[in-house]
Amino acid sequence: MTKDYAQTSDSHPIVAEQQSGGGMRTHETMTEEGVCPRCNEGELYQDSADVGVGIIYGPWGCPCCGWSESERYDLEFGGGLQENGSYLDPYGGLTPAGNPIAKMLAREEKTMST
């Protein structure tokens, strides 16, 4: 088991127990004012959803380089444009394949790779 730290509110970090290889790469205290651990640029961002009985927080991510505290969403390790045409952003959001934003991101990625 490894200990990973996740931010549950602005001031109270919690310790999340995960099995080794869980894909979480977090820092003890992450805030919007923090800098990206990969590129040392910009501010970090985190999506959240108020579900009535509490708030669910997504992974921290960097809009500059695509780093995410969860490897699943990191643009270097599985995030970004998916095989089915959808787009998985560093913050845990999925833009469906038919969405105009996903189509634009697919075109941009295609032109950058050629």
N, C-alpha and C. Protein backbone atom coordinates (compact mmCIF):
# COMPACT_ATOMS: atom_id res chain seq x y z
N MET A 1 0.84 -1.18 0.00
CA MET A 1 0.00 0.00 0.00
C MET A 1 0.89 1.24 0.00
N THR A 2 0.50 2.23 -0.76
CA THR A 2 1.20 3.51 -0.76
C THR A 2 0.25 4.57 -0.26
N LYS A 3 0.81 5.62 0.28
CA LYS A 3 -0.02 6.73 0.74
C LYS A 3 0.02 7.84 -0.29
N ASP A 4 -1.14 8.27 -0.70
CA ASP A 4 -1.26 9.39 -1.63
C ASP A 4 -2.08 10.46 -0.96
N TYR A 5 -1.71 11.69 -1.20
CA TYR A 5 -2.39 12.79 -0.56
C TYR A 5 -3.31 13.47 -1.56
N ALA A 6 -4.53 13.69 -1.16
CA ALA A 6 -5.50 14.37 -2.01
C ALA A 6 -6.11 15.51 -1.23
N GLN A 7 -6.44 16.58 -1.91
CA GLN A 7 -7.01 17.75 -1.27
C GLN A 7 -8.53 17.62 -1.23
N THR A 8 -9.13 17.64 -0.04
CA THR A 8 -10.58 17.54 0.05
C THR A 8 -11.24 18.88 0.28
N SER A 9 -10.50 19.85 0.72
CA SER A 9 -11.01 21.21 0.85
C SER A 9 -9.81 22.13 0.73
N ASP A 10 -10.03 23.41 0.88
CA ASP A 10 -8.93 24.35 0.73
C ASP A 10 -7.85 24.17 1.79
N SER A 11 -8.18 23.59 2.93
CA SER A 11 -7.19 23.53 4.00
C SER A 11 -6.99 22.17 4.64
N HIS A 12 -7.72 21.14 4.24
CA HIS A 12 -7.63 19.86 4.91
C HIS A 12 -7.23 18.73 3.97
N PRO A 13 -5.92 18.40 3.87
CA PRO A 13 -5.54 17.26 3.04
C PRO A 13 -5.89 15.95 3.74
N ILE A 14 -6.24 14.94 2.97
CA ILE A 14 -6.48 13.62 3.54
C ILE A 14 -5.48 12.65 2.95
N VAL A 15 -5.34 11.54 3.60
CA VAL A 15 -4.45 10.50 3.10
C VAL A 15 -5.31 9.41 2.48
N ALA A 16 -5.07 9.11 1.23
CA ALA A 16 -5.83 8.05 0.55
C ALA A 16 -4.92 6.84 0.40
N GLU A 17 -5.36 5.71 0.93
CA GLU A 17 -4.60 4.48 0.80
C GLU A 17 -4.93 3.86 -0.55
N GLN A 18 -3.89 3.53 -1.32
CA GLN A 18 -4.11 2.87 -2.60
C GLN A 18 -3.11 1.75 -2.75
N GLN A 19 -3.46 0.79 -3.55
CA GLN A 19 -2.56 -0.29 -3.86
C GLN A 19 -1.45 0.26 -4.75
N SER A 20 -0.29 -0.36 -4.69
CA SER A 20 0.82 0.06 -5.54
C SER A 20 0.39 0.04 -7.00
N GLY A 21 0.85 1.00 -7.76
CA GLY A 21 0.49 1.09 -9.17
C GLY A 21 -0.88 1.68 -9.41
N GLY A 22 -1.43 2.36 -8.42
CA GLY A 22 -2.76 2.94 -8.57
C GLY A 22 -2.80 4.12 -9.52
N GLY A 23 -1.65 4.67 -9.87
CA GLY A 23 -1.61 5.74 -10.84
C GLY A 23 -1.71 7.14 -10.27
N MET A 24 -1.85 7.30 -8.96
CA MET A 24 -1.94 8.64 -8.38
C MET A 24 -0.53 9.13 -8.07
N ARG A 25 -0.21 10.31 -8.54
CA ARG A 25 1.07 10.93 -8.26
C ARG A 25 0.78 12.33 -7.73
N THR A 26 0.59 12.45 -6.44
CA THR A 26 0.19 13.72 -5.87
C THR A 26 1.23 14.25 -4.91
N HIS A 27 1.03 15.46 -4.51
CA HIS A 27 1.89 16.09 -3.52
C HIS A 27 1.09 16.30 -2.25
N GLU A 28 1.78 16.43 -1.14
CA GLU A 28 1.10 16.53 0.15
C GLU A 28 0.12 17.69 0.19
N THR A 29 0.50 18.83 -0.33
CA THR A 29 -0.41 19.97 -0.35
C THR A 29 -0.39 20.59 -1.74
N MET A 30 -1.49 20.47 -2.45
CA MET A 30 -1.61 21.07 -3.78
C MET A 30 -2.67 22.15 -3.70
N THR A 31 -2.37 23.28 -4.31
CA THR A 31 -3.31 24.39 -4.35
C THR A 31 -3.27 25.02 -5.73
N GLU A 32 -4.23 25.89 -6.02
CA GLU A 32 -4.24 26.59 -7.30
C GLU A 32 -3.01 27.47 -7.46
N GLU A 33 -2.45 27.92 -6.34
CA GLU A 33 -1.27 28.78 -6.41
C GLU A 33 0.01 27.99 -6.64
N GLY A 34 -0.05 26.67 -6.50
CA GLY A 34 1.12 25.83 -6.69
C GLY A 34 1.53 25.79 -8.15
N VAL A 35 2.76 25.39 -8.41
CA VAL A 35 3.24 25.27 -9.78
C VAL A 35 3.27 23.80 -10.16
N CYS A 36 3.25 23.55 -11.44
CA CYS A 36 3.24 22.19 -11.96
C CYS A 36 4.55 21.49 -11.62
N PRO A 37 4.49 20.25 -11.12
CA PRO A 37 5.71 19.52 -10.81
C PRO A 37 6.48 19.09 -12.05
N ARG A 38 5.86 19.09 -13.23
CA ARG A 38 6.55 18.69 -14.45
C ARG A 38 7.20 19.90 -15.13
N CYS A 39 6.43 20.95 -15.38
CA CYS A 39 6.96 22.07 -16.18
C CYS A 39 7.29 23.31 -15.35
N ASN A 40 6.91 23.31 -14.07
CA ASN A 40 7.15 24.46 -13.18
C ASN A 40 6.56 25.76 -13.72
N GLU A 41 5.50 25.65 -14.51
CA GLU A 41 4.84 26.82 -15.08
C GLU A 41 3.43 26.92 -14.54
N GLY A 42 2.85 28.08 -14.66
CA GLY A 42 1.43 28.29 -14.44
C GLY A 42 0.88 27.83 -13.11
N GLU A 43 -0.43 27.87 -13.03
CA GLU A 43 -1.14 27.45 -11.84
C GLU A 43 -1.86 26.14 -12.12
N LEU A 44 -2.06 25.35 -11.10
CA LEU A 44 -2.77 24.09 -11.23
C LEU A 44 -4.27 24.33 -11.20
N TYR A 45 -5.03 23.39 -11.76
CA TYR A 45 -6.48 23.51 -11.82
C TYR A 45 -7.09 22.17 -11.40
N GLN A 46 -8.27 22.24 -10.79
CA GLN A 46 -8.98 21.04 -10.35
C GLN A 46 -10.48 21.24 -10.54
N ASP A 47 -11.13 20.29 -11.22
CA ASP A 47 -12.59 20.33 -11.35
C ASP A 47 -13.22 19.79 -10.08
N SER A 48 -14.43 20.25 -9.79
CA SER A 48 -15.17 19.73 -8.64
C SER A 48 -16.65 19.71 -8.98
N ALA A 49 -17.39 18.85 -8.28
CA ALA A 49 -18.84 18.74 -8.49
C ALA A 49 -19.52 18.66 -7.13
N ASP A 50 -20.48 19.57 -6.91
CA ASP A 50 -21.26 19.54 -5.67
C ASP A 50 -22.41 18.57 -5.88
N VAL A 51 -22.41 17.47 -5.13
CA VAL A 51 -23.43 16.43 -5.29
C VAL A 51 -24.50 16.48 -4.21
N GLY A 52 -24.59 17.60 -3.52
CA GLY A 52 -25.63 17.79 -2.51
C GLY A 52 -25.19 17.44 -1.10
N VAL A 53 -24.58 16.28 -0.92
CA VAL A 53 -24.13 15.87 0.41
C VAL A 53 -22.64 16.12 0.60
N GLY A 54 -22.00 16.61 -0.41
CA GLY A 54 -20.57 16.89 -0.35
C GLY A 54 -20.07 17.30 -1.72
N ILE A 55 -18.78 17.52 -1.80
CA ILE A 55 -18.16 17.92 -3.06
C ILE A 55 -17.17 16.85 -3.48
N ILE A 56 -17.25 16.43 -4.74
CA ILE A 56 -16.31 15.47 -5.29
C ILE A 56 -15.26 16.26 -6.06
N TYR A 57 -13.99 16.02 -5.75
CA TYR A 57 -12.89 16.72 -6.40
C TYR A 57 -12.21 15.79 -7.40
N GLY A 58 -11.91 16.33 -8.59
CA GLY A 58 -11.16 15.60 -9.60
C GLY A 58 -9.67 15.77 -9.35
N PRO A 59 -8.85 15.18 -10.20
CA PRO A 59 -7.40 15.30 -10.03
C PRO A 59 -6.91 16.70 -10.39
N TRP A 60 -5.82 17.12 -9.75
CA TRP A 60 -5.17 18.37 -10.12
C TRP A 60 -4.53 18.18 -11.48
N GLY A 61 -4.51 19.23 -12.29
CA GLY A 61 -3.91 19.17 -13.61
C GLY A 61 -3.30 20.50 -14.00
N CYS A 62 -2.41 20.45 -14.99
CA CYS A 62 -1.72 21.64 -15.47
C CYS A 62 -2.21 21.97 -16.88
N PRO A 63 -2.74 23.18 -17.09
CA PRO A 63 -3.19 23.56 -18.42
C PRO A 63 -2.03 23.84 -19.38
N CYS A 64 -0.82 24.02 -18.87
CA CYS A 64 0.34 24.33 -19.72
C CYS A 64 0.90 23.09 -20.42
N CYS A 65 1.16 22.02 -19.66
CA CYS A 65 1.82 20.85 -20.23
C CYS A 65 0.96 19.59 -20.26
N GLY A 66 -0.22 19.62 -19.63
CA GLY A 66 -1.09 18.45 -19.63
C GLY A 66 -0.82 17.46 -18.52
N TRP A 67 0.03 17.83 -17.54
CA TRP A 67 0.29 16.95 -16.40
C TRP A 67 -0.99 16.77 -15.60
N SER A 68 -1.19 15.57 -15.05
CA SER A 68 -2.30 15.30 -14.14
C SER A 68 -1.78 14.46 -13.00
N GLU A 69 -2.33 14.67 -11.80
CA GLU A 69 -1.89 13.86 -10.67
C GLU A 69 -2.35 12.41 -10.83
N SER A 70 -3.23 12.13 -11.76
CA SER A 70 -3.66 10.76 -12.06
C SER A 70 -3.13 10.39 -13.44
N GLU A 71 -2.33 9.33 -13.53
CA GLU A 71 -1.75 8.93 -14.81
C GLU A 71 -2.80 8.69 -15.88
N ARG A 72 -3.97 8.25 -15.46
CA ARG A 72 -5.04 7.95 -16.42
C ARG A 72 -5.40 9.18 -17.26
N TYR A 73 -5.28 10.36 -16.68
CA TYR A 73 -5.65 11.60 -17.37
C TYR A 73 -4.45 12.40 -17.87
N ASP A 74 -3.24 12.02 -17.47
CA ASP A 74 -2.03 12.73 -17.89
C ASP A 74 -1.89 12.60 -19.40
N LEU A 75 -1.64 13.71 -20.09
CA LEU A 75 -1.57 13.68 -21.54
C LEU A 75 -0.40 12.86 -22.07
N GLU A 76 0.62 12.59 -21.25
CA GLU A 76 1.73 11.75 -21.68
C GLU A 76 1.46 10.27 -21.48
N PHE A 77 0.50 9.91 -20.64
CA PHE A 77 0.31 8.51 -20.27
C PHE A 77 -1.08 7.96 -20.54
N GLY A 78 -1.89 8.57 -21.35
CA GLY A 78 -3.20 7.99 -21.63
C GLY A 78 -4.31 9.00 -21.80
N GLY A 79 -4.12 10.21 -21.33
CA GLY A 79 -5.12 11.25 -21.52
C GLY A 79 -5.03 11.80 -22.93
N GLY A 80 -5.76 12.85 -23.20
CA GLY A 80 -5.75 13.46 -24.53
C GLY A 80 -6.73 12.79 -25.46
N LEU A 81 -6.45 12.83 -26.74
CA LEU A 81 -7.33 12.25 -27.75
C LEU A 81 -7.35 10.73 -27.60
N GLN A 82 -8.55 10.16 -27.51
CA GLN A 82 -8.72 8.72 -27.36
C GLN A 82 -9.00 8.08 -28.72
N GLU A 83 -8.86 6.76 -28.80
CA GLU A 83 -9.07 6.03 -30.05
C GLU A 83 -10.46 6.25 -30.64
N ASN A 84 -11.46 6.42 -29.80
CA ASN A 84 -12.83 6.59 -30.29
C ASN A 84 -13.16 8.04 -30.66
N GLY A 85 -12.17 8.95 -30.58
CA GLY A 85 -12.38 10.34 -30.95
C GLY A 85 -12.75 11.26 -29.80
N SER A 86 -12.98 10.70 -28.62
CA SER A 86 -13.27 11.55 -27.45
C SER A 86 -11.96 12.13 -26.91
N TYR A 87 -12.08 13.10 -26.02
CA TYR A 87 -10.90 13.77 -25.46
C TYR A 87 -10.97 13.71 -23.95
N LEU A 88 -9.92 13.17 -23.32
CA LEU A 88 -9.82 13.03 -21.87
C LEU A 88 -8.85 14.09 -21.36
N ASP A 89 -9.38 15.10 -20.63
CA ASP A 89 -8.51 16.20 -20.19
C ASP A 89 -7.79 15.87 -18.88
N PRO A 90 -6.75 16.65 -18.52
CA PRO A 90 -5.96 16.38 -17.32
C PRO A 90 -6.74 16.50 -16.01
N TYR A 91 -7.95 17.04 -16.05
CA TYR A 91 -8.73 17.25 -14.83
C TYR A 91 -9.77 16.16 -14.63
N GLY A 92 -9.80 15.15 -15.51
CA GLY A 92 -10.73 14.04 -15.38
C GLY A 92 -11.99 14.18 -16.21
N GLY A 93 -12.09 15.23 -17.01
CA GLY A 93 -13.27 15.43 -17.84
C GLY A 93 -13.16 14.70 -19.17
N LEU A 94 -14.27 14.18 -19.66
CA LEU A 94 -14.31 13.50 -20.95
C LEU A 94 -15.22 14.27 -21.89
N THR A 95 -14.66 14.73 -23.01
CA THR A 95 -15.45 15.40 -24.04
C THR A 95 -15.81 14.34 -25.08
N PRO A 96 -17.11 14.07 -25.31
CA PRO A 96 -17.53 13.01 -26.24
C PRO A 96 -17.02 13.23 -27.66
N ALA A 97 -16.90 12.15 -28.41
CA ALA A 97 -16.34 12.19 -29.76
C ALA A 97 -17.08 13.14 -30.70
N GLY A 98 -18.39 13.23 -30.62
CA GLY A 98 -19.15 14.08 -31.53
C GLY A 98 -19.15 15.55 -31.17
N ASN A 99 -18.59 15.90 -30.03
CA ASN A 99 -18.57 17.28 -29.56
C ASN A 99 -17.66 18.13 -30.44
N PRO A 100 -18.05 19.36 -30.79
CA PRO A 100 -17.21 20.23 -31.62
C PRO A 100 -15.82 20.48 -31.02
N ILE A 101 -15.73 20.54 -29.70
CA ILE A 101 -14.42 20.76 -29.06
C ILE A 101 -13.52 19.55 -29.29
N ALA A 102 -14.05 18.34 -29.14
CA ALA A 102 -13.27 17.12 -29.37
C ALA A 102 -12.82 17.05 -30.83
N LYS A 103 -13.70 17.44 -31.75
CA LYS A 103 -13.34 17.43 -33.17
C LYS A 103 -12.22 18.43 -33.45
N MET A 104 -12.30 19.62 -32.84
CA MET A 104 -11.26 20.63 -33.03
C MET A 104 -9.93 20.14 -32.46
N LEU A 105 -9.95 19.52 -31.27
CA LEU A 105 -8.73 19.01 -30.66
C LEU A 105 -8.13 17.87 -31.49
N ALA A 106 -8.97 17.04 -32.10
CA ALA A 106 -8.49 15.96 -32.96
C ALA A 106 -7.80 16.53 -34.20
N ARG A 107 -8.41 17.57 -34.81
CA ARG A 107 -7.78 18.21 -35.98
C ARG A 107 -6.45 18.83 -35.60
N GLU A 108 -6.41 19.50 -34.44
CA GLU A 108 -5.18 20.14 -33.99
C GLU A 108 -4.08 19.11 -33.76
N GLU A 109 -4.42 18.00 -33.12
CA GLU A 109 -3.42 16.96 -32.86
C GLU A 109 -2.93 16.34 -34.17
N LYS A 110 -3.84 16.17 -35.13
CA LYS A 110 -3.47 15.60 -36.42
C LYS A 110 -2.51 16.52 -37.17
N THR A 111 -2.76 17.83 -37.15
CA THR A 111 -1.87 18.77 -37.85
C THR A 111 -0.53 18.90 -37.16
N MET A 112 -0.51 18.75 -35.83
CA MET A 112 0.76 18.85 -35.10
C MET A 112 1.63 17.62 -35.33
N SER A 113 1.02 16.46 -35.61
CA SER A 113 1.79 15.23 -35.80
C SER A 113 2.30 15.08 -37.23
N THR A 114 1.80 15.91 -38.16
CA THR A 114 2.26 15.80 -39.55
C THR A 114 3.27 16.87 -39.87
